[in-house]
């Protein structure tokens, strides 16, 4: 299993219940074929530039171990979630 890190940004207007629900969904996708090591919720922060007329977002950083196929599935779920503004998945072992 490889080590990965993902940072994703929710729209700031997202309700608390929906935020928790999506975070649990993403963690369950990782736990199905990997292992979540650490979750850091950074909260609302200003974006570097405006995205879809939104100037701030709710940042979440997740460190995890997984097989090489899992990031593709996680990325697919990020793309279909309307509440996710941006995301990035980094393989920490490529550094």
Protein backbone atom coordinates (compact mmCIF):
# COMPACT_ATOMS: atom_id res chain seq x y z
CA UNK A 1 0.00 0.00 0.00
CA UNK A 2 1.14 3.51 -0.82
CA UNK A 3 0.81 6.69 1.23
CA UNK A 4 -1.40 9.45 -0.14
CA UNK A 5 -2.61 12.85 0.92
CA UNK A 6 -5.76 14.55 -0.32
CA UNK A 7 -6.95 18.08 0.22
CA UNK A 8 -10.49 18.98 -0.77
CA UNK A 9 -12.53 22.14 -0.40
CA UNK A 10 -16.26 22.25 0.31
CA UNK A 11 -18.45 25.22 -0.58
CA UNK A 12 -18.69 27.48 2.51
CA UNK A 13 -22.49 27.41 2.41
CA UNK A 14 -22.64 23.63 2.99
CA UNK A 15 -24.73 22.54 5.98
CA UNK A 16 -22.97 20.81 8.88
CA UNK A 17 -24.94 17.56 8.43
CA UNK A 18 -24.08 17.39 4.71
CA UNK A 19 -20.41 18.13 5.47
CA UNK A 20 -20.24 15.28 7.99
CA UNK A 21 -22.11 12.97 5.61
CA UNK A 22 -19.72 13.65 2.71
CA UNK A 23 -16.63 13.36 4.90
CA UNK A 24 -17.85 9.97 6.17
CA UNK A 25 -18.58 8.89 2.59
CA UNK A 26 -15.04 9.77 1.44
CA UNK A 27 -13.53 8.06 4.50
CA UNK A 28 -15.58 4.90 3.84
CA UNK A 29 -14.34 4.82 0.22
CA UNK A 30 -10.77 4.96 1.51
CA UNK A 31 -11.39 2.40 4.29
CA UNK A 32 -12.97 -0.06 1.84
CA UNK A 33 -9.58 -0.72 0.23
CA UNK A 34 -7.14 1.24 2.39
CA UNK A 35 -6.68 2.96 5.72
CA UNK A 36 -7.31 6.54 6.86
CA UNK A 37 -4.37 7.72 8.96
CA UNK A 38 -5.31 11.30 9.81
CA UNK A 39 -8.11 13.79 9.10
CA UNK A 40 -7.59 17.52 9.66
CA UNK A 41 -10.50 19.89 9.24
CA UNK A 42 -8.98 23.32 8.65
CA UNK A 43 -12.34 25.09 8.55
CA UNK A 44 -13.32 28.08 6.42
CA UNK A 45 -10.42 29.85 4.73
CA UNK A 46 -10.07 32.37 1.97
CA UNK A 47 -9.37 30.92 -1.46
CA UNK A 48 -6.30 32.05 -3.41
CA UNK A 49 -8.63 33.08 -6.23
CA UNK A 50 -12.37 33.18 -6.81
CA UNK A 51 -13.94 29.88 -7.98
CA UNK A 52 -17.50 29.91 -9.32
CA UNK A 53 -18.08 33.30 -7.63
CA UNK A 54 -17.04 31.83 -4.26
CA UNK A 55 -14.24 33.51 -2.30
CA UNK A 56 -13.78 31.06 0.59
CA UNK A 57 -14.16 27.35 1.28
CA UNK A 58 -14.10 24.70 4.00
CA UNK A 59 -10.75 22.86 3.78
CA UNK A 60 -10.22 19.21 4.77
CA UNK A 61 -6.87 17.35 4.65
CA UNK A 62 -6.81 13.53 4.76
CA UNK A 63 -3.71 11.32 4.94
CA UNK A 64 -4.26 7.68 3.98
CA UNK A 65 -2.71 4.42 2.78
CA UNK A 66 -4.23 2.66 -0.21
CA UNK A 67 -3.67 0.60 -3.32
CA UNK A 68 -2.83 2.52 -6.53
CA UNK A 69 -6.38 2.08 -7.92
CA UNK A 70 -8.15 3.79 -5.00
CA UNK A 71 -7.25 7.43 -5.83
CA UNK A 72 -9.06 7.09 -9.18
CA UNK A 73 -12.26 6.01 -7.40
CA UNK A 74 -11.88 8.80 -4.83
CA UNK A 75 -11.35 11.34 -7.62
CA UNK A 76 -14.48 10.10 -9.40
CA UNK A 77 -16.50 10.72 -6.22
CA UNK A 78 -15.00 14.19 -5.75
CA UNK A 79 -16.03 15.10 -9.30
CA UNK A 80 -19.68 14.08 -8.84
CA UNK A 81 -20.08 15.79 -5.44
CA UNK A 82 -21.52 19.25 -6.12
CA UNK A 83 -20.36 20.51 -2.72
CA UNK A 84 -16.66 19.95 -3.54
CA UNK A 85 -15.12 23.03 -5.19
CA UNK A 86 -11.56 21.71 -5.65
CA UNK A 87 -9.52 18.66 -4.69
CA UNK A 88 -6.04 17.25 -5.11
CA UNK A 89 -4.63 13.79 -4.39
CA UNK A 90 -0.86 13.46 -3.92
CA UNK A 91 1.24 10.31 -3.77
CA UNK A 92 3.62 11.02 -0.87
CA UNK A 93 6.05 8.29 -1.94
CA UNK A 94 6.88 10.02 -5.26
CA UNK A 95 8.73 12.81 -3.44
